[in-house]
Amino acid sequence: MSLLEQVSVSKKANIYFDGKVASRSVFFADGSKQTLGVVLPGEYEFSTSQGEIMEVTSGRFEVLLPETTTWQEFSEGTQFELAANVSFKIRNTAIAEYCCSYL
């Protein structure tokens, strides 16, 4: 979906890695939440506190999923799922965007 309707959006951004990753929280009437983020070129390690589905909405990421040793490429329109309480790495060479849904 390219348009989120009937939502509330946090005015304050979530800023990570000295401003190289930023996201905004989007809240739905049913109580669910998503984040929309922008990632500048670099390599970053994230941790999850709950399950997530990460959809690449523009650009591409290389992702080192938990318990793997091979980077996988995810480009615009693709997604990957993460369990709760895991760490993963992403890297990119150009600005990319994502939408994160929480399970």
N, C-alpha and C. Protein backbone atom coordinates (compact mmCIF):
# COMPACT_ATOMS: atom_id res chain seq x y z
N MET A 1 0.84 -1.17 0.00
CA MET A 1 0.00 0.00 0.00
C MET A 1 0.89 1.23 0.00
N SER A 2 0.63 2.16 -0.89
CA SER A 2 1.46 3.35 -0.96
C SER A 2 0.89 4.53 -0.19
N LEU A 3 -0.34 4.39 0.32
CA LEU A 3 -0.98 5.47 1.05
C LEU A 3 -1.56 4.93 2.35
N LEU A 4 -1.25 5.58 3.46
CA LEU A 4 -1.81 5.20 4.76
C LEU A 4 -2.91 6.20 5.08
N GLU A 5 -4.12 5.72 5.32
CA GLU A 5 -5.25 6.61 5.55
C GLU A 5 -5.76 6.50 6.98
N GLN A 6 -6.37 7.58 7.47
CA GLN A 6 -7.00 7.64 8.78
C GLN A 6 -6.03 7.20 9.88
N VAL A 7 -4.92 7.90 9.96
CA VAL A 7 -3.87 7.58 10.93
C VAL A 7 -3.48 8.83 11.71
N SER A 8 -2.77 8.60 12.80
CA SER A 8 -2.12 9.67 13.55
C SER A 8 -0.63 9.46 13.40
N VAL A 9 0.12 10.55 13.25
CA VAL A 9 1.56 10.46 13.03
C VAL A 9 2.27 11.25 14.12
N SER A 10 3.30 10.63 14.69
CA SER A 10 4.10 11.31 15.70
C SER A 10 4.85 12.47 15.06
N LYS A 11 4.81 13.64 15.69
CA LYS A 11 5.54 14.79 15.17
C LYS A 11 7.04 14.62 15.34
N LYS A 12 7.45 13.93 16.39
CA LYS A 12 8.86 13.77 16.68
C LYS A 12 9.41 12.51 16.00
N ALA A 13 10.51 12.68 15.31
CA ALA A 13 11.15 11.55 14.63
C ALA A 13 11.95 10.70 15.61
N ASN A 14 12.08 9.43 15.27
CA ASN A 14 13.00 8.53 15.95
C ASN A 14 14.33 8.63 15.20
N ILE A 15 15.37 9.09 15.86
CA ILE A 15 16.66 9.33 15.21
C ILE A 15 17.68 8.33 15.73
N TYR A 16 18.39 7.68 14.81
CA TYR A 16 19.40 6.67 15.16
C TYR A 16 20.69 6.96 14.40
N PHE A 17 21.78 6.44 14.93
CA PHE A 17 23.08 6.48 14.24
C PHE A 17 23.45 7.89 13.78
N ASP A 18 23.43 8.82 14.75
CA ASP A 18 23.82 10.20 14.48
C ASP A 18 23.04 10.83 13.33
N GLY A 19 21.76 10.48 13.22
CA GLY A 19 20.90 11.07 12.20
C GLY A 19 20.93 10.38 10.86
N LYS A 20 21.65 9.28 10.74
CA LYS A 20 21.74 8.59 9.46
C LYS A 20 20.53 7.68 9.20
N VAL A 21 19.77 7.40 10.26
CA VAL A 21 18.52 6.65 10.15
C VAL A 21 17.47 7.42 10.93
N ALA A 22 16.33 7.67 10.28
CA ALA A 22 15.24 8.38 10.95
C ALA A 22 13.92 7.74 10.55
N SER A 23 13.00 7.69 11.51
CA SER A 23 11.68 7.14 11.22
C SER A 23 10.61 7.93 11.96
N ARG A 24 9.40 7.77 11.53
CA ARG A 24 8.22 8.37 12.18
C ARG A 24 7.24 7.24 12.50
N SER A 25 6.65 7.32 13.68
CA SER A 25 5.66 6.34 14.09
C SER A 25 4.29 6.76 13.57
N VAL A 26 3.57 5.77 13.04
CA VAL A 26 2.23 5.96 12.50
C VAL A 26 1.29 5.07 13.30
N PHE A 27 0.21 5.64 13.84
CA PHE A 27 -0.71 4.92 14.70
C PHE A 27 -2.06 4.79 14.01
N PHE A 28 -2.62 3.58 14.05
CA PHE A 28 -3.89 3.28 13.41
C PHE A 28 -5.00 3.22 14.44
N ALA A 29 -6.24 3.39 14.00
CA ALA A 29 -7.40 3.40 14.90
C ALA A 29 -7.55 2.09 15.68
N ASP A 30 -7.08 0.98 15.10
CA ASP A 30 -7.20 -0.31 15.78
C ASP A 30 -6.11 -0.53 16.84
N GLY A 31 -5.25 0.47 17.04
CA GLY A 31 -4.20 0.37 18.04
C GLY A 31 -2.86 -0.12 17.50
N SER A 32 -2.83 -0.54 16.25
CA SER A 32 -1.56 -1.00 15.67
C SER A 32 -0.67 0.18 15.30
N LYS A 33 0.59 -0.12 15.07
CA LYS A 33 1.59 0.92 14.77
C LYS A 33 2.51 0.45 13.66
N GLN A 34 2.95 1.36 12.85
CA GLN A 34 3.99 1.13 11.86
C GLN A 34 5.00 2.26 11.98
N THR A 35 6.18 2.03 11.45
CA THR A 35 7.14 3.13 11.34
C THR A 35 7.55 3.27 9.88
N LEU A 36 7.72 4.51 9.45
CA LEU A 36 8.19 4.83 8.11
C LEU A 36 9.57 5.45 8.27
N GLY A 37 10.57 4.87 7.62
CA GLY A 37 11.92 5.33 7.84
C GLY A 37 12.72 5.60 6.59
N VAL A 38 13.76 6.40 6.78
CA VAL A 38 14.74 6.73 5.74
C VAL A 38 16.11 6.37 6.27
N VAL A 39 16.91 5.70 5.42
CA VAL A 39 18.23 5.24 5.81
C VAL A 39 19.26 5.79 4.83
N LEU A 40 20.21 6.58 5.35
CA LEU A 40 21.31 7.07 4.52
C LEU A 40 22.32 5.96 4.30
N PRO A 41 23.17 6.07 3.27
CA PRO A 41 24.14 5.02 3.01
C PRO A 41 25.00 4.69 4.24
N GLY A 42 25.24 3.41 4.44
CA GLY A 42 26.05 2.95 5.57
C GLY A 42 25.71 1.52 5.94
N GLU A 43 26.24 1.10 7.09
CA GLU A 43 25.95 -0.23 7.64
C GLU A 43 25.51 -0.04 9.08
N TYR A 44 24.40 -0.70 9.45
CA TYR A 44 23.78 -0.48 10.75
C TYR A 44 23.33 -1.80 11.36
N GLU A 45 23.38 -1.89 12.68
CA GLU A 45 22.86 -3.06 13.39
C GLU A 45 21.68 -2.64 14.25
N PHE A 46 20.59 -3.37 14.11
CA PHE A 46 19.37 -3.11 14.85
C PHE A 46 19.01 -4.31 15.70
N SER A 47 18.20 -4.08 16.72
CA SER A 47 17.65 -5.15 17.55
C SER A 47 16.14 -4.98 17.58
N THR A 48 15.43 -6.08 17.70
CA THR A 48 13.98 -6.03 17.78
C THR A 48 13.51 -6.33 19.20
N SER A 49 12.41 -5.74 19.60
CA SER A 49 11.81 -6.08 20.89
C SER A 49 10.52 -6.87 20.66
N GLN A 50 10.01 -6.83 19.44
CA GLN A 50 8.85 -7.62 19.05
C GLN A 50 9.02 -8.01 17.59
N GLY A 51 8.19 -8.93 17.11
CA GLY A 51 8.28 -9.34 15.71
C GLY A 51 8.01 -8.18 14.78
N GLU A 52 8.66 -8.18 13.62
CA GLU A 52 8.53 -7.09 12.66
C GLU A 52 8.51 -7.62 11.24
N ILE A 53 7.82 -6.92 10.39
CA ILE A 53 7.92 -7.12 8.95
C ILE A 53 8.47 -5.83 8.37
N MET A 54 9.62 -5.91 7.73
CA MET A 54 10.27 -4.74 7.12
C MET A 54 10.04 -4.79 5.61
N GLU A 55 9.33 -3.79 5.11
CA GLU A 55 9.08 -3.67 3.67
C GLU A 55 9.96 -2.55 3.12
N VAL A 56 10.69 -2.83 2.08
CA VAL A 56 11.52 -1.82 1.42
C VAL A 56 10.60 -1.03 0.48
N THR A 57 10.46 0.28 0.74
CA THR A 57 9.54 1.09 -0.05
C THR A 57 10.24 1.89 -1.15
N SER A 58 11.56 2.07 -1.03
CA SER A 58 12.34 2.64 -2.12
C SER A 58 13.80 2.26 -1.92
N GLY A 59 14.51 2.14 -3.03
CA GLY A 59 15.92 1.76 -2.96
C GLY A 59 16.10 0.27 -2.69
N ARG A 60 17.21 -0.04 -2.01
CA ARG A 60 17.49 -1.44 -1.70
C ARG A 60 18.37 -1.54 -0.47
N PHE A 61 18.25 -2.65 0.22
CA PHE A 61 19.08 -2.96 1.37
C PHE A 61 19.74 -4.31 1.16
N GLU A 62 20.92 -4.46 1.69
CA GLU A 62 21.49 -5.78 1.90
C GLU A 62 21.27 -6.06 3.38
N VAL A 63 20.80 -7.26 3.70
CA VAL A 63 20.42 -7.59 5.07
C VAL A 63 21.14 -8.85 5.51
N LEU A 64 21.71 -8.79 6.70
CA LEU A 64 22.29 -9.97 7.34
C LEU A 64 21.31 -10.38 8.43
N LEU A 65 20.48 -11.35 8.09
CA LEU A 65 19.44 -11.79 9.01
C LEU A 65 20.04 -12.56 10.19
N PRO A 66 19.30 -12.67 11.28
CA PRO A 66 19.80 -13.38 12.46
C PRO A 66 20.22 -14.81 12.12
N GLU A 67 21.30 -15.23 12.73
CA GLU A 67 21.81 -16.59 12.58
C GLU A 67 22.15 -16.97 11.14
N THR A 68 22.52 -15.98 10.32
CA THR A 68 22.98 -16.26 8.96
C THR A 68 24.34 -15.63 8.76
N THR A 69 25.03 -16.06 7.73
CA THR A 69 26.36 -15.51 7.44
C THR A 69 26.42 -14.90 6.05
N THR A 70 25.32 -14.94 5.33
CA THR A 70 25.27 -14.42 3.96
C THR A 70 24.32 -13.24 3.88
N TRP A 71 24.80 -12.13 3.32
CA TRP A 71 23.97 -10.96 3.11
C TRP A 71 22.97 -11.26 1.99
N GLN A 72 21.71 -10.83 2.16
CA GLN A 72 20.67 -11.00 1.16
C GLN A 72 20.19 -9.62 0.71
N GLU A 73 19.89 -9.49 -0.57
CA GLU A 73 19.43 -8.21 -1.09
C GLU A 73 17.90 -8.15 -1.11
N PHE A 74 17.37 -7.02 -0.64
CA PHE A 74 15.94 -6.75 -0.69
C PHE A 74 15.77 -5.40 -1.35
N SER A 75 15.00 -5.36 -2.43
CA SER A 75 14.80 -4.12 -3.17
C SER A 75 13.35 -3.66 -3.03
N GLU A 76 13.06 -2.49 -3.57
CA GLU A 76 11.74 -1.89 -3.47
C GLU A 76 10.65 -2.91 -3.76
N GLY A 77 9.66 -2.97 -2.86
CA GLY A 77 8.54 -3.89 -3.04
C GLY A 77 8.72 -5.24 -2.39
N THR A 78 9.91 -5.50 -1.82
CA THR A 78 10.14 -6.77 -1.14
C THR A 78 10.14 -6.55 0.36
N GLN A 79 10.08 -7.64 1.11
CA GLN A 79 10.05 -7.54 2.56
C GLN A 79 10.72 -8.73 3.21
N PHE A 80 11.03 -8.59 4.49
CA PHE A 80 11.56 -9.70 5.27
C PHE A 80 10.98 -9.61 6.67
N GLU A 81 10.91 -10.76 7.33
CA GLU A 81 10.29 -10.84 8.65
C GLU A 81 11.35 -11.15 9.71
N LEU A 82 11.17 -10.56 10.87
CA LEU A 82 12.10 -10.74 11.98
C LEU A 82 11.32 -11.15 13.22
N ALA A 83 11.90 -12.05 13.99
CA ALA A 83 11.30 -12.47 15.25
C ALA A 83 11.60 -11.42 16.32
N ALA A 84 10.96 -11.55 17.46
CA ALA A 84 11.23 -10.68 18.60
C ALA A 84 12.59 -11.01 19.20
N ASN A 85 13.24 -10.00 19.75
CA ASN A 85 14.49 -10.16 20.50
C ASN A 85 15.64 -10.75 19.69
N VAL A 86 15.80 -10.25 18.46
CA VAL A 86 16.93 -10.66 17.62
C VAL A 86 17.67 -9.41 17.15
N SER A 87 18.88 -9.59 16.66
CA SER A 87 19.64 -8.51 16.05
C SER A 87 19.86 -8.84 14.58
N PHE A 88 19.92 -7.80 13.77
CA PHE A 88 20.18 -7.97 12.34
C PHE A 88 20.92 -6.75 11.84
N LYS A 89 21.57 -6.88 10.70
CA LYS A 89 22.31 -5.77 10.11
C LYS A 89 21.72 -5.42 8.75
N ILE A 90 21.76 -4.13 8.42
CA ILE A 90 21.44 -3.70 7.07
C ILE A 90 22.57 -2.80 6.57
N ARG A 91 22.74 -2.81 5.26
CA ARG A 91 23.69 -1.87 4.65
C ARG A 91 23.12 -1.46 3.30
N ASN A 92 23.50 -0.25 2.91
CA ASN A 92 23.04 0.28 1.63
C ASN A 92 24.05 1.31 1.13
N THR A 93 24.05 1.49 -0.18
CA THR A 93 24.99 2.43 -0.79
C THR A 93 24.30 3.69 -1.30
N ALA A 94 22.98 3.73 -1.21
CA ALA A 94 22.20 4.91 -1.60
C ALA A 94 21.04 5.04 -0.62
N ILE A 95 20.44 6.20 -0.57
CA ILE A 95 19.31 6.41 0.33
C ILE A 95 18.21 5.39 0.02
N ALA A 96 17.65 4.80 1.09
CA ALA A 96 16.57 3.82 0.94
C ALA A 96 15.52 4.11 2.02
N GLU A 97 14.30 3.63 1.77
CA GLU A 97 13.21 3.84 2.71
C GLU A 97 12.54 2.51 3.03
N TYR A 98 11.88 2.50 4.20
CA TYR A 98 11.20 1.28 4.62
C TYR A 98 9.92 1.61 5.39
N CYS A 99 9.07 0.59 5.48
CA CYS A 99 7.89 0.62 6.32
C CYS A 99 7.97 -0.61 7.21
N CYS A 100 7.93 -0.41 8.51
CA CYS A 100 8.03 -1.50 9.46
C CYS A 100 6.68 -1.73 10.13
N SER A 101 6.15 -2.94 10.02
CA SER A 101 4.91 -3.33 10.70
C SER A 101 5.29 -4.24 11.85
N TYR A 102 4.58 -4.11 12.95
CA TYR A 102 4.91 -4.87 14.16
C TYR A 102 3.91 -5.99 14.35
N LEU A 103 4.42 -7.16 14.71
CA LEU A 103 3.56 -8.34 14.87
C LEU A 103 3.08 -8.49 16.30
